[in-house]
Amino acid sequence: MDAAVALFRSLGDPTRLVILTRLADGEARVVDLTRLLELPQSTVSSHLACLRDCGLVGYRPQGRQSFYSLTRPELLDLLRSAERLLAGTGEAVALCPAHGVSAAAS
């Protein structure tokens, strides 16, 4: 269960989900992601490091740049399944008193 908990924690950050969604469309450089996210380079790099450490994202250097990509395409299946699950549960997950939107605002 520890590995599953770590995986879902890595996916539990909105910024990392946006990065993964963008990488589903193909490779991207840090500068591309900083423009998309409107975040500092150091923040984006930190999120990429987390995703790399989890084995979800890899990179290839080209000159002075690095191009990031998904290493596990089946991650997209997991995210699609999560979307279907969320559609089926309606507001239940968002309203969960322990982990939902109201809990996050506290």
PDB file of N, CA and C in Angstrom:
ATOM      1  N   MET A   1       0.810  -1.208   0.000  1.00  0.00           N
ATOM      2  CA  MET A   1       0.000   0.000   0.000  1.00  0.00           C
ATOM      3  C   MET A   1       0.848   1.265   0.000  1.00  0.00           C
ATOM      4  N   ASP A   2       2.066   1.184   0.527  1.00  0.00           N
ATOM      5  CA  ASP A   2       2.910   2.382   0.593  1.00  0.00           C
ATOM      6  C   ASP A   2       3.168   2.965  -0.787  1.00  0.00           C
ATOM      7  N   ALA A   3       3.404   2.091  -1.764  1.00  0.00           N
ATOM      8  CA  ALA A   3       3.673   2.574  -3.120  1.00  0.00           C
ATOM      9  C   ALA A   3       2.437   3.260  -3.696  1.00  0.00           C
ATOM     10  N   ALA A   4       1.264   2.690  -3.462  1.00  0.00           N
ATOM     11  CA  ALA A   4       0.031   3.297  -3.962  1.00  0.00           C
ATOM     12  C   ALA A   4      -0.213   4.649  -3.304  1.00  0.00           C
ATOM     13  N   VAL A   5       0.048   4.740  -2.015  1.00  0.00           N
ATOM     14  CA  VAL A   5      -0.116   6.014  -1.303  1.00  0.00           C
ATOM     15  C   VAL A   5       0.833   7.056  -1.888  1.00  0.00           C
ATOM     16  N   ALA A   6       2.070   6.676  -2.129  1.00  0.00           N
ATOM     17  CA  ALA A   6       3.049   7.606  -2.705  1.00  0.00           C
ATOM     18  C   ALA A   6       2.621   8.047  -4.100  1.00  0.00           C
ATOM     19  N   LEU A   7       2.129   7.117  -4.907  1.00  0.00           N
ATOM     20  CA  LEU A   7       1.669   7.462  -6.258  1.00  0.00           C
ATOM     21  C   LEU A   7       0.545   8.481  -6.190  1.00  0.00           C
ATOM     22  N   PHE A   8      -0.456   8.204  -5.359  1.00  0.00           N
ATOM     23  CA  PHE A   8      -1.593   9.118  -5.310  1.00  0.00           C
ATOM     24  C   PHE A   8      -1.239  10.449  -4.662  1.00  0.00           C
ATOM     25  N   ARG A   9      -0.276  10.466  -3.772  1.00  0.00           N
ATOM     26  CA  ARG A   9       0.199  11.764  -3.245  1.00  0.00           C
ATOM     27  C   ARG A   9       0.861  12.565  -4.360  1.00  0.00           C
ATOM     28  N   SER A  10       1.638  11.890  -5.195  1.00  0.00           N
ATOM     29  CA  SER A  10       2.306  12.606  -6.286  1.00  0.00           C
ATOM     30  C   SER A  10       1.285  13.156  -7.269  1.00  0.00           C
ATOM     31  N   LEU A  11       0.156  12.479  -7.408  1.00  0.00           N
ATOM     32  CA  LEU A  11      -0.899  12.934  -8.312  1.00  0.00           C
ATOM     33  C   LEU A  11      -1.860  13.908  -7.630  1.00  0.00           C
ATOM     34  N   GLY A  12      -1.707  14.100  -6.325  1.00  0.00           N
ATOM     35  CA  GLY A  12      -2.635  14.909  -5.554  1.00  0.00           C
ATOM     36  C   GLY A  12      -2.397  16.405  -5.612  1.00  0.00           C
ATOM     37  N   ASP A  13      -1.461  16.842  -6.411  1.00  0.00           N
ATOM     38  CA  ASP A  13      -1.172  18.271  -6.512  1.00  0.00           C
ATOM     39  C   ASP A  13      -1.681  18.791  -7.855  1.00  0.00           C
ATOM     40  N   PRO A  14      -2.477  19.860  -7.853  1.00  0.00           N
ATOM     41  CA  PRO A  14      -3.033  20.377  -9.105  1.00  0.00           C
ATOM     42  C   PRO A  14      -1.970  20.745 -10.136  1.00  0.00           C
ATOM     43  N   THR A  15      -0.862  21.301  -9.697  1.00  0.00           N
ATOM     44  CA  THR A  15       0.194  21.693 -10.632  1.00  0.00           C
ATOM     45  C   THR A  15       0.773  20.456 -11.315  1.00  0.00           C
ATOM     46  N   ARG A  16       1.008  19.398 -10.549  1.00  0.00           N
ATOM     47  CA  ARG A  16       1.555  18.181 -11.157  1.00  0.00           C
ATOM     48  C   ARG A  16       0.563  17.559 -12.126  1.00  0.00           C
ATOM     49  N   LEU A  17      -0.723  17.649 -11.818  1.00  0.00           N
ATOM     50  CA  LEU A  17      -1.721  17.124 -12.758  1.00  0.00           C
ATOM     51  C   LEU A  17      -1.729  17.918 -14.061  1.00  0.00           C
ATOM     52  N   VAL A  18      -1.574  19.231 -13.976  1.00  0.00           N
ATOM     53  CA  VAL A  18      -1.511  20.042 -15.196  1.00  0.00           C
ATOM     54  C   VAL A  18      -0.260  19.668 -15.999  1.00  0.00           C
ATOM     55  N   ILE A  19       0.854  19.483 -15.317  1.00  0.00           N
ATOM     56  CA  ILE A  19       2.088  19.083 -16.007  1.00  0.00           C
ATOM     57  C   ILE A  19       1.880  17.751 -16.718  1.00  0.00           C
ATOM     58  N   LEU A  20       1.312  16.777 -16.030  1.00  0.00           N
ATOM     59  CA  LEU A  20       1.097  15.463 -16.639  1.00  0.00           C
ATOM     60  C   LEU A  20       0.139  15.550 -17.821  1.00  0.00           C
ATOM     61  N   THR A  21      -0.898  16.356 -17.675  1.00  0.00           N
ATOM     62  CA  THR A  21      -1.846  16.538 -18.774  1.00  0.00           C
ATOM     63  C   THR A  21      -1.152  17.157 -19.982  1.00  0.00           C
ATOM     64  N   ARG A  22      -0.312  18.146 -19.731  1.00  0.00           N
ATOM     65  CA  ARG A  22       0.430  18.768 -20.840  1.00  0.00           C
ATOM     66  C   ARG A  22       1.378  17.770 -21.497  1.00  0.00           C
ATOM     67  N   LEU A  23       2.081  16.978 -20.679  1.00  0.00           N
ATOM     68  CA  LEU A  23       3.027  16.011 -21.232  1.00  0.00           C
ATOM     69  C   LEU A  23       2.329  14.880 -21.980  1.00  0.00           C
ATOM     70  N   ALA A  24       1.049  14.675 -21.715  1.00  0.00           N
ATOM     71  CA  ALA A  24       0.277  13.688 -22.472  1.00  0.00           C
ATOM     72  C   ALA A  24       0.206  14.074 -23.943  1.00  0.00           C
ATOM     73  N   ASP A  25       0.341  15.379 -24.218  1.00  0.00           N
ATOM     74  CA  ASP A  25       0.318  15.874 -25.601  1.00  0.00           C
ATOM     75  C   ASP A  25       1.679  15.811 -26.268  1.00  0.00           C
ATOM     76  N   GLY A  26       2.722  15.489 -25.522  1.00  0.00           N
ATOM     77  CA  GLY A  26       4.069  15.411 -26.078  1.00  0.00           C
ATOM     78  C   GLY A  26       5.084  16.101 -25.188  1.00  0.00           C
ATOM     79  N   GLU A  27       6.325  16.045 -25.613  1.00  0.00           N
ATOM     80  CA  GLU A  27       7.430  16.600 -24.822  1.00  0.00           C
ATOM     81  C   GLU A  27       7.250  18.095 -24.563  1.00  0.00           C
ATOM     82  N   ALA A  28       7.856  18.537 -23.466  1.00  0.00           N
ATOM     83  CA  ALA A  28       7.848  19.961 -23.132  1.00  0.00           C
ATOM     84  C   ALA A  28       9.121  20.290 -22.367  1.00  0.00           C
ATOM     85  N   ARG A  29       9.565  21.521 -22.525  1.00  0.00           N
ATOM     86  CA  ARG A  29      10.710  22.029 -21.777  1.00  0.00           C
ATOM     87  C   ARG A  29      10.194  22.742 -20.535  1.00  0.00           C
ATOM     88  N   VAL A  30      11.080  22.955 -19.580  1.00  0.00           N
ATOM     89  CA  VAL A  30      10.697  23.687 -18.370  1.00  0.00           C
ATOM     90  C   VAL A  30      10.134  25.054 -18.743  1.00  0.00           C
ATOM     91  N   VAL A  31      10.748  25.735 -19.678  1.00  0.00           N
ATOM     92  CA  VAL A  31      10.276  27.063 -20.071  1.00  0.00           C
ATOM     93  C   VAL A  31       8.856  26.993 -20.626  1.00  0.00           C
ATOM     94  N   ASP A  32       8.528  25.928 -21.365  1.00  0.00           N
ATOM     95  CA  ASP A  32       7.160  25.763 -21.871  1.00  0.00           C
ATOM     96  C   ASP A  32       6.180  25.609 -20.711  1.00  0.00           C
ATOM     97  N   LEU A  33       6.585  24.830 -19.717  1.00  0.00           N
ATOM     98  CA  LEU A  33       5.712  24.577 -18.571  1.00  0.00           C
ATOM     99  C   LEU A  33       5.581  25.805 -17.682  1.00  0.00           C
ATOM    100  N   THR A  34       6.653  26.575 -17.525  1.00  0.00           N
ATOM    101  CA  THR A  34       6.551  27.794 -16.711  1.00  0.00           C
ATOM    102  C   THR A  34       5.597  28.798 -17.355  1.00  0.00           C
ATOM    103  N   ARG A  35       5.622  28.872 -18.677  1.00  0.00           N
ATOM    104  CA  ARG A  35       4.679  29.774 -19.368  1.00  0.00           C
ATOM    105  C   ARG A  35       3.242  29.296 -19.191  1.00  0.00           C
ATOM    106  N   LEU A  36       3.032  27.994 -19.349  1.00  0.00           N
ATOM    107  CA  LEU A  36       1.697  27.434 -19.212  1.00  0.00           C
ATOM    108  C   LEU A  36       1.153  27.644 -17.805  1.00  0.00           C
ATOM    109  N   LEU A  37       1.972  27.363 -16.820  1.00  0.00           N
ATOM    110  CA  LEU A  37       1.535  27.398 -15.422  1.00  0.00           C
ATOM    111  C   LEU A  37       1.639  28.781 -14.789  1.00  0.00           C
ATOM    112  N   GLU A  38       2.410  29.659 -15.412  1.00  0.00           N
ATOM    113  CA  GLU A  38       2.678  30.990 -14.864  1.00  0.00           C
ATOM    114  C   GLU A  38       3.267  30.891 -13.464  1.00  0.00           C
ATOM    115  N   LEU A  39       4.254  29.992 -13.338  1.00  0.00           N
ATOM    116  CA  LEU A  39       4.954  29.770 -12.073  1.00  0.00           C
ATOM    117  C   LEU A  39       6.445  29.955 -12.282  1.00  0.00           C
ATOM    118  N   PRO A  40       7.177  30.213 -11.212  1.00  0.00           N
ATOM    119  CA  PRO A  40       8.636  30.340 -11.339  1.00  0.00           C
ATOM    120  C   PRO A  40       9.268  29.022 -11.782  1.00  0.00           C
ATOM    121  N   GLN A  41      10.384  29.136 -12.449  1.00  0.00           N
ATOM    122  CA  GLN A  41      11.107  27.975 -12.949  1.00  0.00           C
ATOM    123  C   GLN A  41      11.458  27.018 -11.829  1.00  0.00           C
ATOM    124  N   SER A  42      11.841  27.546 -10.680  1.00  0.00           N
ATOM    125  CA  SER A  42      12.218  26.684  -9.561  1.00  0.00           C
ATOM    126  C   SER A  42      11.036  25.838  -9.073  1.00  0.00           C
ATOM    127  N   THR A  43       9.842  26.411  -9.085  1.00  0.00           N
ATOM    128  CA  THR A  43       8.650  25.681  -8.663  1.00  0.00           C
ATOM    129  C   THR A  43       8.329  24.554  -9.646  1.00  0.00           C
ATOM    130  N   VAL A  44       8.373  24.876 -10.929  1.00  0.00           N
ATOM    131  CA  VAL A  44       8.104  23.867 -11.961  1.00  0.00           C
ATOM    132  C   VAL A  44       9.153  22.765 -11.895  1.00  0.00           C
ATOM    133  N   SER A  45      10.402  23.142 -11.734  1.00  0.00           N
ATOM    134  CA  SER A  45      11.472  22.146 -11.641  1.00  0.00           C
ATOM    135  C   SER A  45      11.279  21.232 -10.439  1.00  0.00           C
ATOM    136  N   SER A  46      10.803  21.792  -9.344  1.00  0.00           N
ATOM    137  CA  SER A  46      10.542  20.989  -8.148  1.00  0.00           C
ATOM    138  C   SER A  46       9.440  19.960  -8.409  1.00  0.00           C
ATOM    139  N   HIS A  47       8.388  20.381  -9.069  1.00  0.00           N
ATOM    140  CA  HIS A  47       7.306  19.454  -9.405  1.00  0.00           C
ATOM    141  C   HIS A  47       7.795  18.381 -10.372  1.00  0.00           C
ATOM    142  N   LEU A  48       8.600  18.768 -11.351  1.00  0.00           N
ATOM    143  CA  LEU A  48       9.151  17.789 -12.289  1.00  0.00           C
ATOM    144  C   LEU A  48      10.052  16.791 -11.566  1.00  0.00           C
ATOM    145  N   ALA A  49      10.816  17.267 -10.601  1.00  0.00           N
ATOM    146  CA  ALA A  49      11.685  16.372  -9.829  1.00  0.00           C
ATOM    147  C   ALA A  49      10.848  15.335  -9.086  1.00  0.00           C
ATOM    148  N   CYS A  50       9.739  15.763  -8.509  1.00  0.00           N
ATOM    149  CA  CYS A  50       8.839  14.836  -7.816  1.00  0.00           C
ATOM    150  C   CYS A  50       8.327  13.777  -8.786  1.00  0.00           C
ATOM    151  N   LEU A  51       7.875  14.208  -9.941  1.00  0.00           N
ATOM    152  CA  LEU A  51       7.339  13.279 -10.931  1.00  0.00           C
ATOM    153  C   LEU A  51       8.421  12.354 -11.483  1.00  0.00           C
ATOM    154  N   ARG A  52       9.632  12.870 -11.609  1.00  0.00           N
ATOM    155  CA  ARG A  52      10.767  12.025 -12.043  1.00  0.00           C
ATOM    156  C   ARG A  52      11.091  10.998 -10.977  1.00  0.00           C
ATOM    157  N   ASP A  53      11.125  11.435  -9.716  1.00  0.00           N
ATOM    158  CA  ASP A  53      11.436  10.521  -8.608  1.00  0.00           C
ATOM    159  C   ASP A  53      10.409   9.391  -8.523  1.00  0.00           C
ATOM    160  N   CYS A  54       9.177   9.676  -8.920  1.00  0.00           N
ATOM    161  CA  CYS A  54       8.121   8.661  -8.909  1.00  0.00           C
ATOM    162  C   CYS A  54       8.173   7.767 -10.157  1.00  0.00           C
ATOM    163  N   GLY A  55       9.019   8.121 -11.099  1.00  0.00           N
ATOM    164  CA  GLY A  55       9.128   7.331 -12.321  1.00  0.00           C
ATOM    165  C   GLY A  55       8.035   7.610 -13.333  1.00  0.00           C
ATOM    166  N   LEU A  56       7.319   8.714 -13.156  1.00  0.00           N
ATOM    167  CA  LEU A  56       6.225   9.047 -14.063  1.00  0.00           C
ATOM    168  C   LEU A  56       6.668   9.908 -15.233  1.00  0.00           C
ATOM    169  N   VAL A  57       7.763  10.628 -15.046  1.00  0.00           N
ATOM    170  CA  VAL A  57       8.272  11.560 -16.050  1.00  0.00           C
ATOM    171  C   VAL A  57       9.759  11.311 -16.225  1.00  0.00           C
ATOM    172  N   GLY A  58      10.197  11.418 -17.450  1.00  0.00           N
ATOM    173  CA  GLY A  58      11.625  11.337 -17.749  1.00  0.00           C
ATOM    174  C   GLY A  58      12.013  12.522 -18.607  1.00  0.00           C
ATOM    175  N   TYR A  59      13.279  12.620 -18.902  1.00  0.00           N
ATOM    176  CA  TYR A  59      13.723  13.727 -19.747  1.00  0.00           C
ATOM    177  C   TYR A  59      14.883  13.277 -20.623  1.00  0.00           C
ATOM    178  N   ARG A  60      15.064  14.023 -21.681  1.00  0.00           N
ATOM    179  CA  ARG A  60      16.221  13.810 -22.546  1.00  0.00           C
ATOM    180  C   ARG A  60      16.892  15.163 -22.761  1.00  0.00           C
ATOM    181  N   PRO A  61      18.177  15.220 -22.508  1.00  0.00           N
ATOM    182  CA  PRO A  61      18.888  16.474 -22.735  1.00  0.00           C
ATOM    183  C   PRO A  61      19.128  16.683 -24.231  1.00  0.00           C
ATOM    184  N   GLN A  62      19.046  17.924 -24.626  1.00  0.00           N
ATOM    185  CA  GLN A  62      19.390  18.317 -25.993  1.00  0.00           C
ATOM    186  C   GLN A  62      20.064  19.674 -25.885  1.00  0.00           C
ATOM    187  N   GLY A  63      21.368  19.671 -26.021  1.00  0.00           N
ATOM    188  CA  GLY A  63      22.126  20.897 -25.814  1.00  0.00           C
ATOM    189  C   GLY A  63      21.993  21.336 -24.370  1.00  0.00           C
ATOM    190  N   ARG A  64      21.592  22.578 -24.168  1.00  0.00           N
ATOM    191  CA  ARG A  64      21.436  23.104 -22.809  1.00  0.00           C
ATOM    192  C   ARG A  64      20.010  22.955 -22.286  1.00  0.00           C
ATOM    193  N   GLN A  65      19.157  22.303 -23.055  1.00  0.00           N
ATOM    194  CA  GLN A  65      17.759  22.148 -22.661  1.00  0.00           C
ATOM    195  C   GLN A  65      17.465  20.690 -22.339  1.00  0.00           C
ATOM    196  N   SER A  66      16.391  20.488 -21.610  1.00  0.00           N
ATOM    197  CA  SER A  66      15.885  19.146 -21.335  1.00  0.00           C
ATOM    198  C   SER A  66      14.433  19.098 -21.781  1.00  0.00           C
ATOM    199  N   PHE A  67      14.096  18.017 -22.436  1.00  0.00           N
ATOM    200  CA  PHE A  67      12.732  17.802 -22.897  1.00  0.00           C
ATOM    201  C   PHE A  67      12.107  16.714 -22.034  1.00  0.00           C
ATOM    202  N   TYR A  68      11.006  17.056 -21.373  1.00  0.00           N
ATOM    203  CA  TYR A  68      10.336  16.151 -20.443  1.00  0.00           C
ATOM    204  C   TYR A  68       9.193  15.438 -21.155  1.00  0.00           C
ATOM    205  N   SER A  69       8.967  14.190 -20.734  1.00  0.00           N
ATOM    206  CA  SER A  69       7.892  13.392 -21.319  1.00  0.00           C
ATOM    207  C   SER A  69       7.404  12.375 -20.290  1.00  0.00           C
ATOM    208  N   LEU A  70       6.234  11.824 -20.551  1.00  0.00           N
ATOM    209  CA  LEU A  70       5.704  10.764 -19.700  1.00  0.00           C
ATOM    210  C   LEU A  70       6.502   9.485 -19.943  1.00  0.00           C
ATOM    211  N   THR A  71       6.801   8.775 -18.891  1.00  0.00           N
ATOM    212  CA  THR A  71       7.492   7.495 -19.032  1.00  0.00           C
ATOM    213  C   THR A  71       6.512   6.329 -18.989  1.00  0.00           C
ATOM    214  N   ARG A  72       5.350   6.565 -18.446  1.00  0.00           N
ATOM    215  CA  ARG A  72       4.353   5.516 -18.272  1.00  0.00           C
ATOM    216  C   ARG A  72       3.044   5.948 -18.922  1.00  0.00           C
ATOM    217  N   PRO A  73       2.843   5.621 -20.196  1.00  0.00           N
ATOM    218  CA  PRO A  73       1.607   6.035 -20.887  1.00  0.00           C
ATOM    219  C   PRO A  73       0.335   5.520 -20.209  1.00  0.00           C
ATOM    220  N   GLU A  74       0.434   4.403 -19.461  1.00  0.00           N
ATOM    221  CA  GLU A  74      -0.755   3.889 -18.792  1.00  0.00           C
ATOM    222  C   GLU A  74      -1.259   4.842 -17.709  1.00  0.00           C
ATOM    223  N   LEU A  75      -0.454   5.816 -17.351  1.00  0.00           N
ATOM    224  CA  LEU A  75      -0.905   6.840 -16.414  1.00  0.00           C
ATOM    225  C   LEU A  75      -2.123   7.571 -16.974  1.00  0.00           C
ATOM    226  N   LEU A  76      -2.166   7.748 -18.278  1.00  0.00           N
ATOM    227  CA  LEU A  76      -3.314   8.413 -18.898  1.00  0.00           C
ATOM    228  C   LEU A  76      -4.584   7.588 -18.704  1.00  0.00           C
ATOM    229  N   ASP A  77      -4.457   6.258 -18.746  1.00  0.00           N
ATOM    230  CA  ASP A  77      -5.615   5.398 -18.474  1.00  0.00           C
ATOM    231  C   ASP A  77      -6.107   5.599 -17.045  1.00  0.00           C
ATOM    232  N   LEU A  78      -5.162   5.710 -16.103  1.00  0.00           N
ATOM    233  CA  LEU A  78      -5.514   5.932 -14.706  1.00  0.00           C
ATOM    234  C   LEU A  78      -6.249   7.258 -14.540  1.00  0.00           C
ATOM    235  N   LEU A  79      -5.750   8.301 -15.189  1.00  0.00           N
ATOM    236  CA  LEU A  79      -6.388   9.612 -15.072  1.00  0.00           C
ATOM    237  C   LEU A  79      -7.772   9.610 -15.709  1.00  0.00           C
ATOM    238  N   ARG A  80      -7.924   8.930 -16.840  1.00  0.00           N
ATOM    239  CA  ARG A  80      -9.248   8.822 -17.473  1.00  0.00           C
ATOM    240  C   ARG A  80     -10.211   8.048 -16.571  1.00  0.00           C
ATOM    241  N   SER A  81      -9.716   6.970 -15.971  1.00  0.00           N
ATOM    242  CA  SER A  81     -10.551   6.196 -15.036  1.00  0.00           C
ATOM    243  C   SER A  81     -10.974   7.054 -13.852  1.00  0.00           C
ATOM    244  N   ALA A  82     -10.051   7.872 -13.356  1.00  0.00           N
ATOM    245  CA  ALA A  82     -10.376   8.765 -12.239  1.00  0.00           C
ATOM    246  C   ALA A  82     -11.464   9.751 -12.650  1.00  0.00           C
ATOM    247  N   GLU A  83     -11.390  10.271 -13.862  1.00  0.00           N
ATOM    248  CA  GLU A  83     -12.422  11.197 -14.337  1.00  0.00           C
ATOM    249  C   GLU A  83     -13.785  10.516 -14.390  1.00  0.00           C
ATOM    250  N   ARG A  84     -13.815   9.263 -14.872  1.00  0.00           N
ATOM    251  CA  ARG A  84     -15.083   8.524 -14.920  1.00  0.00           C
ATOM    252  C   ARG A  84     -15.613   8.262 -13.506  1.00  0.00           C
ATOM    253  N   LEU A  85     -14.718   7.894 -12.597  1.00  0.00           N
ATOM    254  CA  LEU A  85     -15.110   7.657 -11.209  1.00  0.00           C
ATOM    255  C   LEU A  85     -15.683   8.920 -10.580  1.00  0.00           C
ATOM    256  N   LEU A  86     -15.011  10.044 -10.811  1.00  0.00           N
ATOM    257  CA  LEU A  86     -15.484  11.309 -10.259  1.00  0.00           C
ATOM    258  C   LEU A  86     -16.833  11.707 -10.853  1.00  0.00           C
ATOM    259  N   ALA A  87     -17.011  11.450 -12.142  1.00  0.00           N
ATOM    260  CA  ALA A  87     -18.300  11.748 -12.771  1.00  0.00           C
ATOM    261  C   ALA A  87     -19.402  10.905 -12.135  1.00  0.00           C
ATOM    262  N   GLY A  88     -19.073   9.665 -11.779  1.00  0.00           N
ATOM    263  CA  GLY A  88     -20.056   8.774 -11.177  1.00  0.00           C
ATOM    264  C   GLY A  88     -20.384   9.090  -9.733  1.00  0.00           C
ATOM    265  N   THR A  89     -19.447   9.681  -9.017  1.00  0.00           N
ATOM    266  CA  THR A  89     -19.684   9.996  -7.606  1.00  0.00           C
ATOM    267  C   THR A  89     -20.257  11.388  -7.418  1.00  0.00           C
ATOM    268  N   GLY A  90     -20.318  12.144  -8.475  1.00  0.00           N
ATOM    269  CA  GLY A  90     -20.863  13.495  -8.379  1.00  0.00           C
ATOM    270  C   GLY A  90     -20.033  14.359  -7.446  1.00  0.00           C
ATOM    271  N   GLU A  91     -20.700  15.019  -6.529  1.00  0.00           N
ATOM    272  CA  GLU A  91     -20.047  15.948  -5.617  1.00  0.00           C
ATOM    273  C   GLU A  91     -19.477  15.267  -4.369  1.00  0.00           C
ATOM    274  N   ALA A  92     -19.670  13.961  -4.233  1.00  0.00           N
ATOM    275  CA  ALA A  92     -19.303  13.278  -2.989  1.00  0.00           C
ATOM    276  C   ALA A  92     -17.834  13.462  -2.635  1.00  0.00           C
ATOM    277  N   VAL A  93     -16.948  13.301  -3.596  1.00  0.00           N
ATOM    278  CA  VAL A  93     -15.520  13.424  -3.312  1.00  0.00           C
ATOM    279  C   VAL A  93     -15.165  14.869  -2.959  1.00  0.00           C
ATOM    280  N   ALA A  94     -15.695  15.807  -3.718  1.00  0.00           N
ATOM    281  CA  ALA A  94     -15.390  17.220  -3.469  1.00  0.00           C
ATOM    282  C   ALA A  94     -15.905  17.676  -2.103  1.00  0.00           C
ATOM    283  N   LEU A  95     -16.987  17.075  -1.644  1.00  0.00           N
ATOM    284  CA  LEU A  95     -17.579  17.477  -0.377  1.00  0.00           C
ATOM    285  C   LEU A  95     -17.118  16.629   0.806  1.00  0.00           C
ATOM    286  N   CYS A  96     -16.232  15.688   0.563  1.00  0.00           N
ATOM    287  CA  CYS A  96     -15.727  14.821   1.629  1.00  0.00           C
ATOM    288  C   CYS A  96     -15.162  15.681   2.767  1.00  0.00           C
ATOM    289  N   PRO A  97     -15.623  15.478   4.010  1.00  0.00           N
ATOM    290  CA  PRO A  97     -15.172  16.330   5.111  1.00  0.00           C
ATOM    291  C   PRO A  97     -13.689  16.175   5.438  1.00  0.00           C
ATOM    292  N   ALA A  98     -13.084  15.052   5.095  1.00  0.00           N
ATOM    293  CA  ALA A  98     -11.668  14.847   5.416  1.00  0.00           C
ATOM    294  C   ALA A  98     -10.740  15.325   4.298  1.00  0.00           C
ATOM    295  N   HIS A  99     -11.164  15.180   3.043  1.00  0.00           N
ATOM    296  CA  HIS A  99     -10.247  15.449   1.940  1.00  0.00           C
ATOM    297  C   HIS A  99     -10.800  16.354   0.860  1.00  0.00           C
ATOM    298  N   GLY A 100     -12.017  16.790   0.976  1.00  0.00           N
ATOM    299  CA  GLY A 100     -12.645  17.568  -0.070  1.00  0.00           C
ATOM    300  C   GLY A 100     -12.264  19.032  -0.083  1.00  0.00           C
ATOM    301  N   VAL A 101     -12.975  19.775  -0.885  1.00  0.00           N
ATOM    302  CA  VAL A 101     -12.698  21.199  -1.082  1.00  0.00           C
ATOM    303  C   VAL A 101     -12.781  21.956   0.237  1.00  0.00           C
ATOM    304  N   SER A 102     -13.807  21.682   1.030  1.00  0.00           N
ATOM    305  CA  SER A 102     -13.944  22.412   2.293  1.00  0.00           C
ATOM    306  C   SER A 102     -12.799  22.084   3.245  1.00  0.00           C
ATOM    307  N   ALA A 103     -12.300  20.846   3.223  1.00  0.00           N
ATOM    308  CA  ALA A 103     -11.163  20.463   4.079  1.00  0.00           C
ATOM    309  C   ALA A 103      -9.894  21.161   3.615  1.00  0.00           C
ATOM    310  N   ALA A 104      -9.735  21.309   2.298  1.00  0.00           N
ATOM    311  CA  ALA A 104      -8.536  21.960   1.762  1.00  0.00           C
ATOM    312  C   ALA A 104      -8.509  23.440   2.131  1.00  0.00           C
ATOM    313  N   ALA A 105      -9.668  24.065   2.247  1.00  0.00           N
ATOM    314  CA  ALA A 105      -9.738  25.492   2.584  1.00  0.00           C
ATOM    315  C   ALA A 105      -9.423  25.740   4.041  1.00  0.00           C
ATOM    316  N   SER A 106      -9.535  24.745   4.876  1.00  0.00           N
ATOM    317  CA  SER A 106      -9.304  24.910   6.321  1.00  0.00           C
ATOM    318  C   SER A 106      -7.856  25.134   6.649  1.00  0.00           C
TER     319      SER A 106
END
